[in-house]
């Protein structure tokens, strides 16, 4: 009878041990994580329970035998010469009784009786295991998607929160915010949609994927899916500009001289580009040829409008494009969309002007420069016209030029070139003296007079407008500054000047 009881107890013990391994298998499969991570969580929970029984002053180790499921709890002691802490240290003499050949510095492990899991201890262990498993799940999710940032994924609309869509993507949730949804798009619960995985946010609740359908990269990835030449790298997308849901511009090029990159993207009868447009709810896409030559690229970017010529200002990174009178609407586009997208695509600030207005503007500008040269340099109109034809637009440019450059002009010898350069330098000195006198008369402070960013012409305009210090200048809004300076500054330059002045305030 007694032998039978022992056998039953042994079988019950084996069954309990096997249950631990079975439970870890079930949890690992259900949560999609490694079984080892589940067992580690269990070991951690057992360790915490053991510390409550035996005290945290002991160095304890809890483990589960991976073959039998047996729970082992041990105390770790370090062999030392002089025992100062009996909870963590043991003498060599005592250690030798437990382990033959023990030496100083060795770790001795003592088996401890198992622990009973009462109601409170069991609840605590359950919470610890759940927390560890959630952490393992988060790490698994993060690893699964960390290498897919910048790719298109497909999700199912799960719910709507404050106009944002929550999508099921695998076993993870993603958020498609209202700002990242193409305007006028509507989705219902259960809809399957393509989105770009922008980033992964890991927090205590798990991994939340940030998604977008308005990102430029989404358009690029859609073309990669539709155009094999882009996927293979034969055709490259160099830049993209979008008004999501309305219009986009995409610049492409190819390393194959025998391949038309635009035709490859458009496809037979427009099938490839149409597939992308359909996914983007009818967004119109202009595909243009990219070029290393910035002038050519800028002209191409304004397609479908024709451009007669462009004037590039490298210092301001701005471009003035001259178009035929009947092409003005096409160049600007509805509500300025075409020129705005072209500016984003190229990285240049593009302005549009008609051929007629360009002729008037150039005539007016030439008249102004002609008068400037005849007055400040005291030369006749023939010499002034000669300087203008060579590209000189200011007295400063003439003063800074070399004698050899001036004398190389037709009709000017070296003596006359020296005289013109000398007159230009004197004109600048007179201008400076005049502005100095004006500043003294108006009581302008030295910080404004000595501000290197402001040239003499701009300083004169500011002083005449009643600006007497950098603080006065910093108090101006962009529009107020532009009213003072006229065409001398662009909006970007006015913004930059005001912000530069305001730096000293902080």
Protein backbone atom coordinates (compact mmCIF):
# COMPACT_ATOMS: atom_id res chain seq x y z
CA UNK A 1 0.00 0.00 0.00
CA UNK A 2 2.74 2.39 0.96
CA UNK A 3 4.63 1.60 -2.23
CA UNK A 4 1.54 2.40 -4.32
CA UNK A 5 1.20 5.82 -2.69
CA UNK A 6 4.80 6.64 -3.46
CA UNK A 7 4.29 5.72 -7.11
CA UNK A 8 1.20 7.95 -7.36
CA UNK A 9 3.03 10.84 -5.71
CA UNK A 10 5.91 10.39 -8.10
CA UNK A 11 3.54 10.32 -11.10
CA UNK A 12 1.74 13.45 -9.86
CA UNK A 13 5.08 15.19 -9.46
CA UNK A 14 6.14 14.22 -12.98
CA UNK A 15 2.77 15.38 -14.34
CA UNK A 16 3.11 18.78 -12.62
CA UNK A 17 6.60 19.17 -14.00
CA UNK A 18 5.48 18.26 -17.49
CA UNK A 19 2.62 20.77 -17.23
CA UNK A 20 5.12 23.59 -16.87
CA UNK A 21 6.74 22.64 -20.18
CA UNK A 22 3.35 22.13 -21.82
CA UNK A 23 2.10 25.52 -20.65
CA UNK A 24 5.26 27.21 -21.90
CA UNK A 25 4.71 25.54 -25.31
CA UNK A 26 1.11 26.70 -25.51
CA UNK A 27 1.88 30.28 -24.45
CA UNK A 28 4.83 30.52 -26.86
CA UNK A 29 2.70 29.39 -29.81
CA UNK A 30 -0.24 31.60 -28.85
CA UNK A 31 1.88 34.74 -28.43
CA UNK A 32 4.20 33.97 -31.32
CA UNK A 33 7.33 34.20 -29.19
CA UNK A 34 10.18 31.82 -28.38
CA UNK A 35 9.45 29.13 -25.77
CA UNK A 36 12.74 30.02 -24.06
CA UNK A 37 11.43 33.53 -23.37
CA UNK A 38 8.34 32.07 -21.66
CA UNK A 39 10.50 29.81 -19.47
CA UNK A 40 12.75 32.76 -18.62
CA UNK A 41 9.65 34.68 -17.49
CA UNK A 42 8.58 31.75 -15.31
CA UNK A 43 12.05 31.49 -13.79
CA UNK A 44 11.99 35.19 -12.97
CA UNK A 45 8.60 34.83 -11.26
CA UNK A 46 9.85 31.82 -9.25
CA UNK A 47 12.96 33.79 -8.24
CA UNK A 48 10.85 36.70 -6.96
CA UNK A 49 8.70 34.31 -4.92
CA UNK A 50 11.81 32.58 -3.53
CA UNK A 51 13.24 35.94 -2.46
CA UNK A 52 10.09 36.60 -0.42
CA UNK A 53 10.64 33.32 1.42
CA UNK A 54 14.42 33.26 1.83
CA UNK A 55 15.11 37.02 1.89
CA UNK A 56 16.62 39.36 -0.63
CA UNK A 57 19.94 39.39 1.25
CA UNK A 58 20.66 35.99 -0.29
CA UNK A 59 21.88 35.62 -3.85
CA UNK A 60 19.36 33.19 -5.29
CA UNK A 61 19.15 31.42 -8.63
CA UNK A 62 15.91 29.87 -9.92
CA UNK A 63 15.79 27.58 -12.94
CA UNK A 64 13.49 25.17 -14.74
CA UNK A 65 15.00 21.99 -16.14
CA UNK A 66 14.34 22.15 -19.89
CA UNK A 67 13.92 18.36 -20.16
CA UNK A 68 12.01 17.41 -17.01
CA UNK A 69 10.34 20.69 -16.02
CA UNK A 70 11.75 20.39 -12.48
CA UNK A 71 12.00 23.69 -10.57
CA UNK A 72 15.37 24.22 -8.91
CA UNK A 73 16.16 26.97 -6.39
CA UNK A 74 19.74 27.47 -5.27
CA UNK A 75 21.70 29.90 -3.15
CA UNK A 76 24.97 31.19 -4.57
CA UNK A 77 27.96 31.69 -2.24
CA UNK A 78 31.39 33.03 -3.13
CA UNK A 79 34.46 31.34 -1.60
CA UNK A 80 36.51 33.94 0.32
CA UNK A 81 39.34 33.95 2.85
CA UNK A 82 37.51 36.06 5.45
CA UNK A 83 33.73 35.76 5.54
CA UNK A 84 32.16 39.17 6.08
CA UNK A 85 28.69 38.47 4.72
CA UNK A 86 27.46 34.94 5.59
CA UNK A 87 24.50 35.33 3.22
CA UNK A 88 26.68 35.65 0.11
CA UNK A 89 30.12 34.36 1.19
CA UNK A 90 31.55 31.04 2.42
CA UNK A 91 34.94 30.01 3.82
CA UNK A 92 37.23 27.66 1.94
CA UNK A 93 36.88 25.05 4.69
CA UNK A 94 33.07 24.99 4.47
CA UNK A 95 33.18 25.10 0.70
CA UNK A 96 35.43 22.02 0.60
CA UNK A 97 32.72 20.06 2.43
CA UNK A 98 30.26 20.89 -0.31
CA UNK A 99 32.54 20.74 -3.34
CA UNK A 100 35.86 18.99 -3.67
CA UNK A 101 38.63 21.12 -5.09
CA UNK A 102 36.93 24.42 -4.20
CA UNK A 103 39.19 27.47 -4.45
CA UNK A 104 39.02 31.15 -3.55
CA UNK A 105 36.72 33.00 -5.91
CA UNK A 106 34.67 29.94 -6.85
CA UNK A 107 30.87 29.98 -6.76
CA UNK A 108 29.21 27.37 -4.57
CA UNK A 109 25.53 26.59 -5.18
CA UNK A 110 23.38 25.18 -2.36
CA UNK A 111 20.06 23.50 -3.14
CA UNK A 112 17.09 25.01 -1.31
CA UNK A 113 13.64 23.51 -0.73
CA UNK A 114 10.98 24.52 -3.23
CA UNK A 115 8.50 27.30 -2.48
CA UNK A 116 4.76 27.04 -1.96
CA UNK A 117 2.71 29.37 -4.16
CA UNK A 118 -0.05 30.77 -2.00
CA UNK A 119 -2.86 32.90 -3.40
CA UNK A 120 -0.95 36.19 -3.16
CA UNK A 121 2.31 34.66 -4.38
CA UNK A 122 0.57 32.97 -7.29
CA UNK A 123 -1.14 36.23 -8.30
CA UNK A 124 2.18 38.09 -8.11
CA UNK A 125 3.92 35.39 -10.15
CA UNK A 126 1.16 35.51 -12.75
CA UNK A 127 1.53 39.28 -13.13
CA UNK A 128 5.31 39.00 -13.45
CA UNK A 129 5.01 36.30 -16.12
CA UNK A 130 2.39 38.31 -18.04
CA UNK A 131 4.58 41.43 -17.95
CA UNK A 132 7.62 39.50 -19.17
CA UNK A 133 5.60 37.90 -21.97
CA UNK A 134 4.21 41.29 -23.04
CA UNK A 135 7.76 42.65 -23.17
CA UNK A 136 8.81 39.67 -25.27
CA UNK A 137 5.83 40.27 -27.58
CA UNK A 138 6.78 43.92 -28.02
CA UNK A 139 10.36 42.98 -28.84
CA UNK A 140 9.13 40.37 -31.32
CA UNK A 141 6.85 42.88 -33.01
CA UNK A 142 9.58 45.50 -33.11
CA UNK A 143 12.03 43.06 -34.68
CA UNK A 144 9.42 41.96 -37.24
CA UNK A 145 8.82 45.52 -38.49
CA UNK A 146 12.09 47.36 -37.75
CA UNK A 147 13.54 46.22 -41.07
CA UNK A 148 10.41 47.23 -42.98
CA UNK A 149 10.36 50.97 -42.24
CA UNK A 150 9.97 52.77 -45.56
CA UNK A 151 8.07 49.86 -47.14
CA UNK A 152 4.42 49.52 -48.17
CA UNK A 153 2.35 47.27 -45.91
CA UNK A 154 -1.30 46.26 -46.09
CA UNK A 155 -3.61 46.73 -43.14
CA UNK A 156 -7.27 46.22 -42.26
CA UNK A 157 -9.23 49.11 -40.73
CA UNK A 158 -10.01 48.06 -37.15
CA UNK A 159 -11.53 51.18 -35.63
CA UNK A 160 -11.64 54.99 -35.85
CA UNK A 161 -10.31 57.21 -33.06
CA UNK A 162 -10.67 61.01 -33.33
CA UNK A 163 -10.67 60.80 -37.17
CA UNK A 164 -7.49 58.67 -37.08
CA UNK A 165 -7.64 55.11 -38.41
CA UNK A 166 -6.34 52.17 -36.37
CA UNK A 167 -5.24 49.34 -38.65
CA UNK A 168 -4.54 45.67 -37.97
CA UNK A 169 -1.21 44.74 -39.54
CA UNK A 170 -0.36 41.17 -38.68
CA UNK A 171 -0.53 40.96 -34.89
CA UNK A 172 0.34 44.65 -34.53
CA UNK A 173 -1.69 47.84 -34.68
CA UNK A 174 -0.80 50.85 -36.79
CA UNK A 175 -2.15 54.40 -36.73
CA UNK A 176 -2.99 56.32 -39.88
CA UNK A 177 -3.56 59.88 -38.71
CA UNK A 178 -6.00 62.18 -40.44
CA UNK A 179 -3.14 64.34 -41.74
CA UNK A 180 -1.61 61.25 -43.39
CA UNK A 181 -4.81 60.29 -45.21
CA UNK A 182 -5.27 61.60 -48.76
CA UNK A 183 -7.92 64.37 -48.72
CA UNK A 184 -11.46 63.16 -49.48
CA UNK A 185 -10.51 59.51 -48.84
CA UNK A 186 -13.05 57.57 -46.80
CA UNK A 187 -12.60 54.12 -45.29
CA UNK A 188 -14.90 51.78 -43.40
CA UNK A 189 -14.25 49.14 -40.76
CA UNK A 190 -12.86 46.05 -42.48
CA UNK A 191 -11.40 47.85 -45.53
CA UNK A 192 -7.97 46.66 -46.68
CA UNK A 193 -5.65 49.53 -47.59
CA UNK A 194 -2.04 50.02 -48.60
CA UNK A 195 0.05 52.34 -46.42
CA UNK A 196 3.68 53.36 -45.98
CA UNK A 197 5.34 52.27 -42.74
CA UNK A 198 6.95 55.52 -41.55
CA UNK A 199 8.19 54.62 -38.05
CA UNK A 200 7.73 52.26 -35.08
CA UNK A 201 6.85 53.56 -31.63
CA UNK A 202 7.49 51.08 -28.81
CA UNK A 203 5.87 51.78 -25.44
CA UNK A 204 4.55 49.88 -22.41
CA UNK A 205 1.42 48.82 -24.29
CA UNK A 206 3.26 47.38 -27.28
CA UNK A 207 4.40 48.54 -30.70
CA UNK A 208 2.38 51.12 -32.60
CA UNK A 209 3.24 51.60 -36.27
CA UNK A 210 3.07 55.13 -37.71
CA UNK A 211 1.60 54.99 -41.22
CA UNK A 212 1.08 57.39 -44.12
CA UNK A 213 -0.50 57.65 -47.56
CA UNK A 214 0.58 61.25 -48.18
CA UNK A 215 4.35 60.79 -47.82
CA UNK A 216 6.40 61.25 -51.02
CA UNK A 217 8.02 57.88 -50.36
CA UNK A 218 4.59 56.21 -50.65
CA UNK A 219 4.35 57.39 -54.26
CA UNK A 220 7.88 56.17 -54.96
CA UNK A 221 7.19 52.71 -53.50
CA UNK A 222 3.99 52.39 -55.52
CA UNK A 223 5.95 52.99 -58.71
CA UNK A 224 8.54 50.43 -57.59
CA UNK A 225 5.72 47.89 -57.39
CA UNK A 226 4.32 48.79 -60.82
CA UNK A 227 7.51 49.47 -62.80
CA UNK A 228 10.09 46.64 -62.92
CA UNK A 229 12.74 49.02 -64.30
CA UNK A 230 12.49 51.13 -61.12
CA UNK A 231 12.56 48.07 -58.87
CA UNK A 232 15.69 46.80 -60.69
CA UNK A 233 17.40 50.21 -60.44
CA UNK A 234 17.58 50.82 -64.20
CA UNK A 235 15.22 53.78 -63.84
CA UNK A 236 15.76 56.02 -60.81
CA UNK A 237 13.34 58.43 -59.18
CA UNK A 238 15.40 61.52 -58.34
CA UNK A 239 12.82 63.74 -56.65
CA UNK A 240 9.10 63.96 -55.92
CA UNK A 241 6.72 66.79 -55.06
CA UNK A 242 3.08 66.15 -54.10
CA UNK A 243 -0.20 67.79 -53.32
CA UNK A 244 -1.73 64.51 -52.08
CA UNK A 245 -4.93 63.57 -53.86
CA UNK A 246 -4.59 66.39 -56.38
CA UNK A 247 -1.32 66.44 -58.32
CA UNK A 248 2.27 65.23 -58.14
CA UNK A 249 5.49 65.74 -60.08
CA UNK A 250 8.16 63.06 -60.29
CA UNK A 251 11.61 63.44 -61.89
CA UNK A 252 13.16 60.27 -63.33
CA UNK A 253 16.38 59.30 -65.09
CA UNK A 254 18.03 56.12 -66.35
CA UNK A 255 21.48 54.61 -66.70
CA UNK A 256 20.43 52.91 -69.96
CA UNK A 257 20.80 55.29 -72.96
CA UNK A 258 18.45 53.09 -75.00
CA UNK A 259 15.61 53.30 -72.47
CA UNK A 260 12.99 56.05 -72.19
CA UNK A 261 12.52 56.47 -68.41
CA UNK A 262 9.27 58.41 -68.79
CA UNK A 263 7.81 55.79 -71.14
CA UNK A 264 8.81 53.01 -68.74
CA UNK A 265 6.91 54.72 -65.90
CA UNK A 266 3.85 55.47 -68.05
CA UNK A 267 3.60 51.93 -69.44
CA UNK A 268 1.61 50.57 -72.35
CA UNK A 269 -1.33 52.91 -72.92
CA UNK A 270 -0.61 54.49 -69.55
CA UNK A 271 -1.37 51.29 -67.63
CA UNK A 272 1.44 51.63 -65.07
CA UNK A 273 0.92 55.25 -64.12
CA UNK A 274 -2.85 54.73 -64.14
CA UNK A 275 -2.54 51.93 -61.57
CA UNK A 276 -0.68 54.32 -59.25
CA UNK A 277 -3.20 57.12 -59.87
CA UNK A 278 -6.07 54.77 -58.99
CA UNK A 279 -4.41 53.83 -55.69
CA UNK A 280 -3.99 57.55 -54.93
CA UNK A 281 -7.66 58.31 -55.61
CA UNK A 282 -7.10 59.97 -58.99
CA UNK A 283 -4.03 62.02 -58.09
CA UNK A 284 -2.59 63.33 -61.40
CA UNK A 285 1.11 62.62 -61.88
CA UNK A 286 3.48 64.55 -64.15
CA UNK A 287 6.55 62.44 -64.94
CA UNK A 288 9.45 64.56 -66.15
CA UNK A 289 13.02 63.99 -67.27
CA UNK A 290 15.62 64.76 -64.62
CA UNK A 291 18.83 66.49 -65.73
CA UNK A 292 22.19 67.34 -64.17
CA UNK A 293 21.86 70.72 -65.86
CA UNK A 294 19.79 72.73 -63.40
CA UNK A 295 18.48 75.06 -66.10
CA UNK A 296 17.21 72.15 -68.18
CA UNK A 297 15.72 70.47 -65.09
CA UNK A 298 13.88 73.64 -64.08
CA UNK A 299 12.45 74.07 -67.58
CA UNK A 300 11.31 70.42 -67.59
CA UNK A 301 9.74 70.79 -64.15
CA UNK A 302 7.32 73.45 -65.42
CA UNK A 303 5.81 71.00 -67.90
CA UNK A 304 3.29 71.10 -69.53
CA UNK A 305 4.01 74.83 -69.94
CA UNK A 306 6.56 76.02 -72.50
CA UNK A 307 9.42 78.18 -71.24
CA UNK A 308 11.21 80.70 -73.43
CA UNK A 309 14.12 81.39 -71.12
CA UNK A 310 15.06 81.46 -67.45
CA UNK A 311 17.17 83.80 -65.34
CA UNK A 312 18.96 82.07 -62.45
CA UNK A 313 20.18 83.85 -59.32
CA UNK A 314 22.51 81.39 -57.56
CA UNK A 315 22.99 83.58 -54.49
CA UNK A 316 19.26 83.67 -53.77
CA UNK A 317 18.64 80.22 -55.29
CA UNK A 318 15.80 81.74 -57.24
CA UNK A 319 14.71 81.45 -60.86
CA UNK A 320 12.62 83.72 -63.05
CA UNK A 321 10.98 81.77 -65.88
CA UNK A 322 9.77 83.66 -68.95
CA UNK A 323 6.81 82.07 -70.74
CA UNK A 324 4.66 83.09 -73.72
CA UNK A 325 1.65 85.19 -72.79
CA UNK A 326 -0.76 82.35 -73.60
CA UNK A 327 1.21 79.91 -71.42
CA UNK A 328 0.99 81.88 -68.16
CA UNK A 329 -2.00 79.96 -66.77
CA UNK A 330 -0.45 76.57 -67.60
CA UNK A 331 2.88 77.55 -66.03
CA UNK A 332 1.34 78.83 -62.80
CA UNK A 333 -1.40 76.21 -62.60
CA UNK A 334 -4.64 76.36 -60.67
CA UNK A 335 -4.02 78.28 -57.44
CA UNK A 336 -0.30 78.29 -58.25
CA UNK A 337 -0.06 74.51 -57.98
CA UNK A 338 2.16 73.84 -61.02
CA UNK A 339 4.86 76.38 -60.17
CA UNK A 340 4.71 75.47 -56.48
CA UNK A 341 5.28 71.78 -57.18
CA UNK A 342 8.04 72.64 -59.65
CA UNK A 343 9.77 74.69 -56.94
CA UNK A 344 9.56 71.76 -54.48
CA UNK A 345 10.75 69.31 -57.11
CA UNK A 346 13.84 71.30 -58.10
CA UNK A 347 14.65 73.01 -54.80
CA UNK A 348 14.63 76.43 -56.49
CA UNK A 349 12.26 79.33 -55.81
CA UNK A 350 10.61 79.73 -59.23
CA UNK A 351 8.63 82.79 -60.29
CA UNK A 352 6.75 83.11 -63.59
CA UNK A 353 6.66 86.14 -65.85
CA UNK A 354 5.17 86.62 -69.33
CA UNK A 355 7.30 87.54 -72.31
CA UNK A 356 5.59 90.91 -72.60
CA UNK A 357 6.15 91.76 -68.94
CA UNK A 358 9.74 90.56 -69.22
CA UNK A 359 10.42 92.98 -72.08
CA UNK A 360 8.95 95.84 -70.05
CA UNK A 361 10.86 94.84 -66.94
CA UNK A 362 14.17 94.56 -68.75
CA UNK A 363 13.62 97.93 -70.45
CA UNK A 364 12.82 99.53 -67.08
CA UNK A 365 15.82 97.90 -65.42
CA UNK A 366 18.14 98.95 -68.24
CA UNK A 367 16.86 102.52 -68.00
CA UNK A 368 17.55 102.52 -64.24
CA UNK A 369 21.06 101.11 -64.64
CA UNK A 370 21.78 103.48 -67.56
CA UNK A 371 20.85 106.46 -65.42
CA UNK A 372 22.91 105.08 -62.52
CA UNK A 373 26.06 104.72 -64.66
CA UNK A 374 25.70 108.09 -66.42
CA UNK A 375 25.22 109.88 -63.08
CA UNK A 376 27.65 108.04 -60.76
CA UNK A 377 30.39 107.28 -63.30
CA UNK A 378 29.93 110.48 -65.32
CA UNK A 379 30.05 108.63 -68.65
CA UNK A 380 28.01 109.09 -71.82
CA UNK A 381 25.16 106.74 -72.77
CA UNK A 382 27.30 104.83 -75.25
CA UNK A 383 29.75 103.73 -72.52
CA UNK A 384 26.88 103.04 -70.12
CA UNK A 385 25.18 100.82 -72.73
CA UNK A 386 28.49 99.05 -73.29
CA UNK A 387 28.81 98.25 -69.57
CA UNK A 388 25.18 97.01 -69.44
CA UNK A 389 25.71 94.78 -72.48
CA UNK A 390 28.65 93.15 -70.69
CA UNK A 391 26.42 92.27 -67.72
CA UNK A 392 27.33 95.03 -65.24
CA UNK A 393 24.31 96.01 -63.13
CA UNK A 394 25.80 98.12 -60.32
CA UNK A 395 28.59 100.57 -59.56
CA UNK A 396 29.98 98.07 -57.02
CA UNK A 397 30.45 95.46 -59.76
CA UNK A 398 32.39 97.97 -61.86
CA UNK A 399 34.58 98.94 -58.90
CA UNK A 400 35.37 95.32 -58.08
CA UNK A 401 36.21 94.30 -61.66
CA UNK A 402 39.78 93.98 -63.00
CA UNK A 403 41.24 96.55 -65.36
CA UNK A 404 41.89 93.74 -67.83
CA UNK A 405 38.18 92.85 -67.89
CA UNK A 406 37.13 96.42 -68.57
CA UNK A 407 39.83 97.13 -71.16
CA UNK A 408 38.86 93.93 -73.01
CA UNK A 409 35.51 95.51 -73.84
CA UNK A 410 35.22 96.88 -77.37
CA UNK A 411 35.78 100.64 -77.44
CA UNK A 412 37.61 100.86 -74.09
CA UNK A 413 41.38 101.10 -73.82
CA UNK A 414 43.35 100.55 -70.63
CA UNK A 415 43.47 104.25 -69.68
CA UNK A 416 39.71 104.65 -70.04
CA UNK A 417 39.14 101.41 -68.12
CA UNK A 418 41.30 102.70 -65.24
CA UNK A 419 39.39 105.98 -65.23
CA UNK A 420 35.98 104.23 -65.13
CA UNK A 421 37.11 101.96 -62.28
CA UNK A 422 38.45 104.97 -60.37
CA UNK A 423 35.17 106.85 -60.83
CA UNK A 424 33.26 103.82 -59.56
CA UNK A 425 35.41 103.65 -56.41
CA UNK A 426 34.90 107.39 -55.82
CA UNK A 427 31.14 107.02 -56.32
CA UNK A 428 31.06 104.31 -53.65
CA UNK A 429 33.00 106.53 -51.25
CA UNK A 430 30.59 109.41 -51.89
CA UNK A 431 27.66 107.08 -51.31
CA UNK A 432 29.16 105.86 -48.04
CA UNK A 433 29.83 109.39 -46.85
CA UNK A 434 26.31 110.44 -47.75
CA UNK A 435 24.82 107.53 -45.81
CA UNK A 436 27.09 108.24 -42.82
CA UNK A 437 25.84 111.83 -42.75
CA UNK A 438 22.25 110.62 -43.05
CA UNK A 439 22.76 108.20 -40.14
CA UNK A 440 24.22 110.93 -37.95
CA UNK A 441 21.39 113.28 -38.86
CA UNK A 442 18.72 110.68 -38.08
CA UNK A 443 20.45 109.46 -34.90
CA UNK A 444 21.01 105.92 -36.17
CA UNK A 445 22.79 103.65 -33.68
CA UNK A 446 26.12 102.03 -34.48
CA UNK A 447 24.76 98.46 -34.26
CA UNK A 448 22.62 99.08 -37.37
CA UNK A 449 25.33 101.05 -39.24
CA UNK A 450 27.93 98.34 -38.65
CA UNK A 451 25.65 95.37 -39.31
CA UNK A 452 27.56 93.50 -42.03
CA UNK A 453 24.49 91.85 -43.58
CA UNK A 454 23.04 95.23 -44.61
CA UNK A 455 24.55 96.94 -47.65
CA UNK A 456 24.62 100.71 -48.16
CA UNK A 457 21.55 100.84 -50.42
CA UNK A 458 19.46 98.77 -48.01
CA UNK A 459 20.72 100.81 -45.05
CA UNK A 460 19.66 104.02 -46.78
CA UNK A 461 16.13 102.68 -47.33
CA UNK A 462 15.84 101.56 -43.70
CA UNK A 463 17.07 104.89 -42.32
CA UNK A 464 14.71 106.86 -44.56
CA UNK A 465 11.88 104.69 -43.20
CA UNK A 466 12.76 105.62 -39.60
CA UNK A 467 14.65 102.46 -38.60
CA UNK A 468 17.42 103.55 -36.21
CA UNK A 469 18.65 100.34 -34.54
CA UNK A 470 18.75 96.56 -34.89
CA UNK A 471 15.93 96.37 -32.35
CA UNK A 472 13.78 98.54 -34.63
CA UNK A 473 14.63 96.23 -37.53
CA UNK A 474 13.84 93.13 -35.49
CA UNK A 475 10.45 94.56 -34.51
CA UNK A 476 9.39 94.66 -38.16
CA UNK A 477 7.24 91.95 -39.67
CA UNK A 478 8.24 90.42 -42.98
CA UNK A 479 5.54 92.37 -44.85
CA UNK A 480 6.59 95.66 -43.24
CA UNK A 481 10.22 95.08 -44.26
CA UNK A 482 9.19 94.21 -47.82
CA UNK A 483 7.13 97.43 -48.00
CA UNK A 484 10.32 99.37 -47.17
CA UNK A 485 12.75 97.47 -49.42
CA UNK A 486 10.54 96.87 -52.46
CA UNK A 487 12.18 94.49 -54.94
CA UNK A 488 15.55 94.64 -53.18
CA UNK A 489 14.70 91.63 -50.98
CA UNK A 490 12.74 88.46 -51.65
CA UNK A 491 10.32 87.08 -49.04
CA UNK A 492 12.86 84.44 -48.02
CA UNK A 493 15.63 87.02 -47.64
CA UNK A 494 13.39 89.33 -45.60
CA UNK A 495 12.47 86.41 -43.30
CA UNK A 496 16.12 85.40 -42.92
CA UNK A 497 17.24 88.97 -42.15
CA UNK A 498 14.61 89.50 -39.44
CA UNK A 499 15.34 86.14 -37.78
CA UNK A 500 19.08 86.80 -37.86
CA UNK A 501 18.57 90.15 -36.10
CA UNK A 502 16.30 88.55 -33.48
CA UNK A 503 18.93 85.96 -32.51
CA UNK A 504 20.56 88.47 -30.18
CA UNK A 505 17.27 88.78 -28.26
CA UNK A 506 17.54 85.22 -27.00
